[in-house]
Amino acid sequence: MAVLIGFLYFAVRMGTPLLFATTGEILSERVGNLNLGVEGMMAVGAICGYCFGCYTDSVLVAMAASFLSAALCAQIYSLLTVNFQTNQTVTGLALTIFGVGVYLFIGRMLTNSGTFPVLSDHPHLQWIVADNGIPFLRDIPYLGRLLFSYNIFVYIGIAIAIVCWIIVLRTKFGLKIRAVGDNPAAADAVGVRVNLMKHLNVVIGGGICGLGGCYMAFVTNGGAWNESWINGMGWISVALVIFANWNPLKAIFGSFFFGMFNVLLAWKGNLADAYPTLLGWLTAIPNEFYQLLPFLITALVLAIESARKRKNSAEPGYLSVNYYREER
């Protein structure tokens, strides 16, 4: 049981950046904007949040810097696609290239100059982003580690997803969001400010994606610089939006489910030893397959969803379609 709890615990930790990115992308897609720049926004949020956080020794500054820098990138995308009617797919891909480029430029520049901040030099910040959990509750056998032993980012990510679910699916404001994504002309006809709603959701969604990058910098990579902090998490998140059926609440479970595939390589030996009859075959599979597995599952999700349309699909009717008010 301890091995299984440990596996699920690390799956949650690995799935948390996916939760941030998926929730942010859901907000963007709910108003009809398919933003494929998630990887770039996470990269910018990672490097800006980490550097500002270390320079100020403050996790709040780190999160603010991550949110604002990624939101600025999302604003560029929003301006181009909403106001100038550029192709959403091409613009999103360009944003990914731009964001990853900024991340690499800043990281390499600070590394080459010997000024890249080291997390271990900031014990206060290092303690805050560590898995300290919730006092007393974390000591509950089994459930304590599985539910109450995480770092602050995990609980913030879950809280953001729940709040977004309430706003999008349970409020009048959320009805306007869904109306803009499903039929912007009809929403415009009843007085909804379509462009404003698009800008607002795309920018806030981009900022939330940036928080996922901040998590990758501080928690997943521990501040150790390399050129693949994000490592494809943004692309997986785009597929997770479909897997979660554009529902932030379902994104919580979907993100942690995909997190299991990301930690399977490190835990396959422990799982095989603990459950030899059931899972002994895990060790016979090459390591390269486990590295491929998250992206393979992502491709399968996209292929399956493109081959069939769910009756209860919540996909916005005008997803990736620019709205020309003159044609209303």
Protein backbone atom coordinates (compact mmCIF):
# COMPACT_ATOMS: atom_id res chain seq x y z
CA MET A 1 0.00 0.00 0.00
CA ALA A 2 2.85 2.39 0.81
CA VAL A 3 4.27 1.94 -2.71
CA LEU A 4 0.90 2.63 -4.32
CA ILE A 5 0.37 5.73 -2.18
CA GLY A 6 3.85 6.96 -3.06
CA PHE A 7 3.19 6.43 -6.77
CA LEU A 8 -0.10 8.34 -6.64
CA TYR A 9 1.53 11.08 -4.56
CA PHE A 10 4.19 11.74 -7.18
CA ALA A 11 1.60 11.47 -9.95
CA VAL A 12 -0.25 14.40 -8.36
CA ARG A 13 2.99 16.38 -8.11
CA MET A 14 3.79 15.71 -11.75
CA GLY A 15 0.25 16.44 -12.89
CA THR A 16 0.00 19.84 -11.18
CA PRO A 17 1.65 21.89 -13.98
CA LEU A 18 -0.71 20.17 -16.41
CA LEU A 19 -3.61 21.29 -14.22
CA PHE A 20 -2.55 24.94 -14.37
CA ALA A 21 -2.00 24.85 -18.12
CA THR A 22 -5.18 22.90 -18.87
CA THR A 23 -7.33 25.22 -16.77
CA GLY A 24 -5.84 28.27 -18.45
CA GLU A 25 -6.37 26.83 -21.92
CA ILE A 26 -9.97 25.92 -21.09
CA LEU A 27 -10.69 29.57 -20.28
CA SER A 28 -9.25 30.60 -23.63
CA GLU A 29 -11.06 27.96 -25.66
CA ARG A 30 -14.38 28.58 -23.93
CA VAL A 31 -14.52 31.95 -25.71
CA GLY A 32 -13.56 30.36 -29.02
CA ASN A 33 -9.80 31.03 -29.05
CA LEU A 34 -7.59 27.99 -29.60
CA ASN A 35 -4.26 29.16 -28.18
CA LEU A 36 -1.47 26.75 -29.13
CA GLY A 37 1.04 28.98 -27.38
CA VAL A 38 0.68 27.21 -24.03
CA GLU A 39 4.22 25.82 -24.16
CA GLY A 40 5.64 29.29 -24.79
CA MET A 41 3.59 30.95 -22.06
CA MET A 42 4.66 28.31 -19.56
CA ALA A 43 8.30 28.81 -20.56
CA VAL A 44 8.13 32.57 -20.10
CA GLY A 45 6.29 32.16 -16.81
CA ALA A 46 8.92 29.67 -15.64
CA ILE A 47 12.00 31.78 -16.25
CA CYS A 48 10.47 35.12 -15.18
CA GLY A 49 8.84 33.69 -12.06
CA TYR A 50 11.97 31.84 -11.01
CA CYS A 51 14.33 34.77 -11.49
CA PHE A 52 12.11 37.38 -9.84
CA GLY A 53 11.25 34.97 -7.04
CA CYS A 54 14.91 34.29 -6.26
CA TYR A 55 15.94 37.93 -6.55
CA THR A 56 13.23 38.96 -4.06
CA ASP A 57 13.18 35.74 -2.01
CA SER A 58 9.38 35.76 -2.29
CA VAL A 59 7.06 33.09 -3.67
CA LEU A 60 4.31 35.70 -4.08
CA VAL A 61 6.54 37.79 -6.33
CA ALA A 62 7.48 34.65 -8.22
CA MET A 63 3.85 33.76 -8.87
CA ALA A 64 2.97 37.34 -9.78
CA ALA A 65 5.88 37.56 -12.22
CA SER A 66 4.91 34.23 -13.78
CA PHE A 67 1.28 35.23 -14.13
CA LEU A 68 1.96 38.71 -15.51
CA SER A 69 4.68 37.70 -17.97
CA ALA A 70 2.59 34.85 -19.40
CA ALA A 71 -0.50 37.09 -19.44
CA LEU A 72 1.47 39.65 -21.46
CA CYS A 73 2.30 36.95 -24.01
CA ALA A 74 -1.37 35.94 -24.10
CA GLN A 75 -2.31 39.59 -24.63
CA ILE A 76 -0.11 39.70 -27.72
CA TYR A 77 -1.88 36.60 -29.04
CA SER A 78 -5.28 38.06 -28.15
CA LEU A 79 -4.53 41.37 -29.84
CA LEU A 80 -3.46 39.63 -33.03
CA THR A 81 -6.31 37.13 -33.23
CA VAL A 82 -9.20 39.20 -31.86
CA ASN A 83 -8.43 42.67 -33.19
CA PHE A 84 -6.37 41.89 -36.28
CA GLN A 85 -8.12 38.61 -37.12
CA THR A 86 -4.94 36.58 -37.67
CA ASN A 87 -5.08 32.82 -37.95
CA GLN A 88 -5.34 31.41 -34.42
CA THR A 89 -3.34 28.25 -35.10
CA VAL A 90 -0.41 30.03 -36.73
CA THR A 91 -0.41 32.78 -34.11
CA GLY A 92 -0.40 30.25 -31.27
CA LEU A 93 2.51 28.34 -32.80
CA ALA A 94 4.40 31.61 -33.22
CA LEU A 95 3.75 32.40 -29.56
CA THR A 96 5.23 29.05 -28.53
CA ILE A 97 8.35 29.72 -30.60
CA PHE A 98 8.61 33.23 -29.16
CA GLY A 99 8.08 32.13 -25.54
CA VAL A 100 10.56 29.27 -25.68
CA GLY A 101 13.03 31.61 -27.35
CA VAL A 102 12.71 34.17 -24.54
CA TYR A 103 13.15 31.41 -21.98
CA LEU A 104 16.30 30.09 -23.64
CA PHE A 105 17.74 33.56 -24.18
CA ILE A 106 17.36 34.61 -20.53
CA GLY A 107 18.49 31.25 -19.19
CA ARG A 108 21.58 31.01 -21.37
CA MET A 109 22.51 34.65 -20.77
CA LEU A 110 22.37 34.29 -16.98
CA THR A 111 24.15 30.92 -17.10
CA ASN A 112 26.98 32.17 -19.30
CA SER A 113 27.47 35.23 -17.08
CA GLY A 114 27.46 33.08 -13.93
CA THR A 115 24.52 35.00 -12.44
CA PHE A 116 21.79 32.40 -12.79
CA PRO A 117 20.10 32.26 -9.36
CA VAL A 118 20.47 29.09 -7.30
CA LEU A 119 17.46 28.01 -5.27
CA SER A 120 19.59 26.58 -2.46
CA ASP A 121 20.91 30.10 -1.82
CA HIS A 122 17.38 31.10 -0.79
CA PRO A 123 16.44 28.73 2.08
CA HIS A 124 13.28 30.66 2.94
CA LEU A 125 11.95 30.39 -0.61
CA GLN A 126 13.11 26.80 -0.88
CA TRP A 127 11.18 25.91 2.29
CA ILE A 128 7.98 27.56 1.04
CA VAL A 129 7.94 25.66 -2.26
CA ALA A 130 8.83 22.36 -0.57
CA ASP A 131 6.26 19.65 0.16
CA ASN A 132 5.45 20.79 3.69
CA GLY A 133 1.79 19.88 3.47
CA ILE A 134 -0.92 20.79 5.97
CA PRO A 135 0.13 20.36 9.62
CA PHE A 136 -1.54 17.54 11.57
CA LEU A 137 -3.58 16.39 8.55
CA ARG A 138 -0.42 15.23 6.78
CA ASP A 139 0.23 12.81 9.65
CA ILE A 140 -2.92 10.77 8.94
CA PRO A 141 -1.82 7.29 7.82
CA TYR A 142 -1.87 6.85 4.04
CA LEU A 143 -4.50 9.52 3.36
CA GLY A 144 -2.30 12.14 4.99
CA ARG A 145 0.42 11.72 2.41
CA LEU A 146 -1.97 11.29 -0.50
CA LEU A 147 -4.14 14.34 0.25
CA PHE A 148 -2.39 16.71 2.65
CA SER A 149 1.37 16.50 2.05
CA TYR A 150 1.93 18.66 -1.01
CA ASN A 151 3.49 22.03 -1.70
CA ILE A 152 1.45 25.21 -1.89
CA PHE A 153 1.23 25.14 -5.70
CA VAL A 154 -0.81 21.93 -5.71
CA TYR A 155 -3.57 23.38 -3.55
CA ILE A 156 -3.54 26.68 -5.44
CA GLY A 157 -3.91 24.80 -8.73
CA ILE A 158 -6.87 22.80 -7.45
CA ALA A 159 -8.48 25.95 -6.01
CA ILE A 160 -8.09 27.82 -9.31
CA ALA A 161 -9.66 24.93 -11.24
CA ILE A 162 -12.63 24.79 -8.87
CA VAL A 163 -13.15 28.57 -9.00
CA CYS A 164 -12.98 28.52 -12.81
CA TRP A 165 -15.51 25.67 -12.89
CA ILE A 166 -17.91 27.65 -10.71
CA ILE A 167 -17.50 30.80 -12.79
CA VAL A 168 -17.75 29.16 -16.21
CA LEU A 169 -20.56 26.69 -15.51
CA ARG A 170 -22.46 28.09 -12.56
CA THR A 171 -22.66 31.88 -13.00
CA LYS A 172 -24.28 34.43 -15.30
CA PHE A 173 -20.83 35.67 -16.27
CA GLY A 174 -19.92 32.12 -17.24
CA LEU A 175 -23.03 31.95 -19.42
CA LYS A 176 -21.69 34.94 -21.34
CA ILE A 177 -18.32 33.18 -21.70
CA ARG A 178 -19.96 30.07 -23.13
CA ALA A 179 -22.22 32.12 -25.39
CA VAL A 180 -19.23 33.89 -26.92
CA GLY A 181 -17.56 30.57 -27.63
CA ASP A 182 -20.66 28.87 -29.01
CA ASN A 183 -22.22 31.70 -31.01
CA PRO A 184 -20.51 35.10 -30.77
CA ALA A 185 -23.00 36.73 -33.16
CA ALA A 186 -25.93 35.78 -30.94
CA ALA A 187 -24.04 36.93 -27.84
CA ASP A 188 -23.24 40.22 -29.55
CA ALA A 189 -26.88 40.67 -30.51
CA VAL A 190 -27.99 40.56 -26.87
CA GLY A 191 -25.38 43.05 -25.72
CA VAL A 192 -22.41 40.90 -24.71
CA ARG A 193 -19.12 42.65 -25.47
CA VAL A 194 -17.57 39.80 -27.42
CA ASN A 195 -14.09 41.20 -27.93
CA LEU A 196 -13.79 42.20 -24.29
CA MET A 197 -14.80 38.72 -23.13
CA LYS A 198 -12.29 37.16 -25.49
CA HIS A 199 -9.45 39.42 -24.33
CA LEU A 200 -10.28 38.87 -20.67
CA ASN A 201 -10.41 35.08 -20.83
CA VAL A 202 -7.40 34.66 -23.09
CA VAL A 203 -5.22 36.90 -20.91
CA ILE A 204 -6.30 35.39 -17.59
CA GLY A 205 -5.99 31.90 -19.06
CA GLY A 206 -2.47 32.70 -20.24
CA GLY A 207 -1.52 33.93 -16.79
CA ILE A 208 -2.73 30.68 -15.23
CA CYS A 209 -0.60 28.76 -17.75
CA GLY A 210 2.36 30.83 -16.54
CA LEU A 211 1.80 29.56 -13.01
CA GLY A 212 2.27 26.06 -14.36
CA GLY A 213 5.66 27.15 -15.66
CA CYS A 214 6.51 28.59 -12.25
CA TYR A 215 5.76 25.19 -10.73
CA MET A 216 8.02 23.48 -13.25
CA ALA A 217 10.87 25.84 -12.39
CA PHE A 218 10.68 25.63 -8.60
CA VAL A 219 9.27 22.17 -7.89
CA THR A 220 9.78 19.83 -10.83
CA ASN A 221 13.28 21.04 -11.69
CA GLY A 222 14.26 22.48 -8.30
CA GLY A 223 15.75 25.56 -9.95
CA ALA A 224 18.46 23.51 -11.70
CA TRP A 225 18.85 25.16 -15.09
CA ASN A 226 18.47 23.10 -18.24
CA GLU A 227 16.99 23.87 -21.63
CA SER A 228 13.89 21.70 -21.21
CA TRP A 229 12.13 22.90 -18.08
CA ILE A 230 8.70 22.65 -19.71
CA ASN A 231 9.46 19.53 -21.75
CA GLY A 232 6.26 19.35 -23.80
CA MET A 233 3.83 19.87 -20.92
CA GLY A 234 2.10 22.65 -22.83
CA TRP A 235 1.28 20.38 -25.75
CA ILE A 236 -0.06 17.67 -23.46
CA SER A 237 -2.30 20.29 -21.82
CA VAL A 238 -3.89 21.19 -25.14
CA ALA A 239 -4.96 17.56 -25.54
CA LEU A 240 -6.05 17.42 -21.90
CA VAL A 241 -8.61 20.15 -22.60
CA ILE A 242 -10.37 17.71 -24.94
CA PHE A 243 -9.90 14.84 -22.48
CA ALA A 244 -11.55 16.97 -19.76
CA ASN A 245 -14.36 17.98 -22.13
CA TRP A 246 -13.65 21.69 -21.55
CA ASN A 247 -14.55 21.30 -17.87
CA PRO A 248 -12.07 22.70 -15.29
CA LEU A 249 -13.30 20.26 -12.63
CA LYS A 250 -12.63 17.26 -14.84
CA ALA A 251 -9.24 18.77 -15.64
CA ILE A 252 -8.19 18.08 -12.04
CA PHE A 253 -8.64 14.35 -12.43
CA GLY A 254 -7.37 14.32 -16.01
CA SER A 255 -4.16 16.12 -15.08
CA PHE A 256 -3.37 13.77 -12.22
CA PHE A 257 -4.22 10.80 -14.44
CA PHE A 258 -1.70 11.97 -17.03
CA GLY A 259 0.73 12.60 -14.20
CA MET A 260 0.82 8.85 -13.61
CA PHE A 261 2.24 8.29 -17.08
CA ASN A 262 4.99 10.83 -16.39
CA VAL A 263 6.20 9.10 -13.21
CA LEU A 264 5.74 5.51 -14.38
CA LEU A 265 9.36 5.28 -15.53
CA ALA A 266 10.71 6.14 -12.08
CA TRP A 267 8.23 3.90 -10.25
CA LYS A 268 7.98 0.85 -12.49
CA GLY A 269 10.53 -1.10 -10.43
CA ASN A 270 8.84 -0.36 -7.10
CA LEU A 271 5.41 -1.22 -8.50
CA ALA A 272 6.70 -4.46 -10.02
CA ASP A 273 8.33 -5.49 -6.71
CA ALA A 274 5.24 -4.61 -4.66
CA TYR A 275 2.78 -6.32 -7.02
CA PRO A 276 4.83 -8.95 -8.91
CA THR A 277 1.83 -10.95 -10.11
CA LEU A 278 -0.13 -7.98 -11.37
CA LEU A 279 2.58 -5.53 -12.45
CA GLY A 280 5.74 -7.60 -12.77
CA TRP A 281 5.75 -7.09 -16.53
CA LEU A 282 6.46 -3.37 -16.14
CA THR A 283 10.21 -3.91 -15.82
CA ALA A 284 10.35 -5.79 -19.13
CA ILE A 285 9.31 -2.71 -21.10
CA PRO A 286 12.19 -0.50 -22.35
CA ASN A 287 12.67 2.85 -20.61
CA GLU A 288 12.29 4.68 -23.92
CA PHE A 289 8.66 3.55 -24.12
CA TYR A 290 7.87 5.17 -20.76
CA GLN A 291 9.45 8.41 -21.95
CA LEU A 292 7.26 8.25 -25.03
CA LEU A 293 4.10 7.20 -23.18
CA PRO A 294 2.70 10.65 -22.15
CA PHE A 295 2.96 11.93 -25.71
CA LEU A 296 1.62 8.66 -27.14
CA ILE A 297 -1.45 8.91 -24.90
CA THR A 298 -1.83 12.54 -25.97
CA ALA A 299 -1.79 11.55 -29.64
CA LEU A 300 -4.33 8.78 -28.99
CA VAL A 301 -6.69 11.21 -27.24
CA LEU A 302 -6.54 13.59 -30.19
CA ALA A 303 -6.99 10.78 -32.72
CA ILE A 304 -9.96 9.25 -30.91
CA GLU A 305 -11.70 12.57 -30.41
CA SER A 306 -11.21 13.58 -34.04
CA ALA A 307 -12.70 10.26 -35.18
CA ARG A 308 -15.85 10.61 -33.15
CA LYS A 309 -17.98 13.35 -31.66
CA ARG A 310 -19.31 12.84 -28.16
CA LYS A 311 -23.01 13.48 -27.77
CA ASN A 312 -22.34 15.46 -24.61
CA SER A 313 -19.28 17.25 -25.97
CA ALA A 314 -18.83 20.77 -24.59
CA GLU A 315 -16.58 21.87 -27.44
CA PRO A 316 -17.36 25.52 -28.25
CA GLY A 317 -19.13 25.86 -31.58
CA TYR A 318 -16.85 28.65 -32.79
CA LEU A 319 -13.56 27.25 -31.49
CA SER A 320 -10.62 28.59 -33.55
CA VAL A 321 -13.02 30.61 -35.75
CA ASN A 322 -12.45 34.37 -35.84
CA TYR A 323 -15.52 36.53 -35.29
CA TYR A 324 -16.20 39.23 -37.88
CA ARG A 325 -18.85 41.51 -36.47
CA GLU A 326 -19.60 42.97 -39.90
CA GLU A 327 -20.86 39.57 -41.06
CA ARG A 328 -23.37 39.23 -38.21
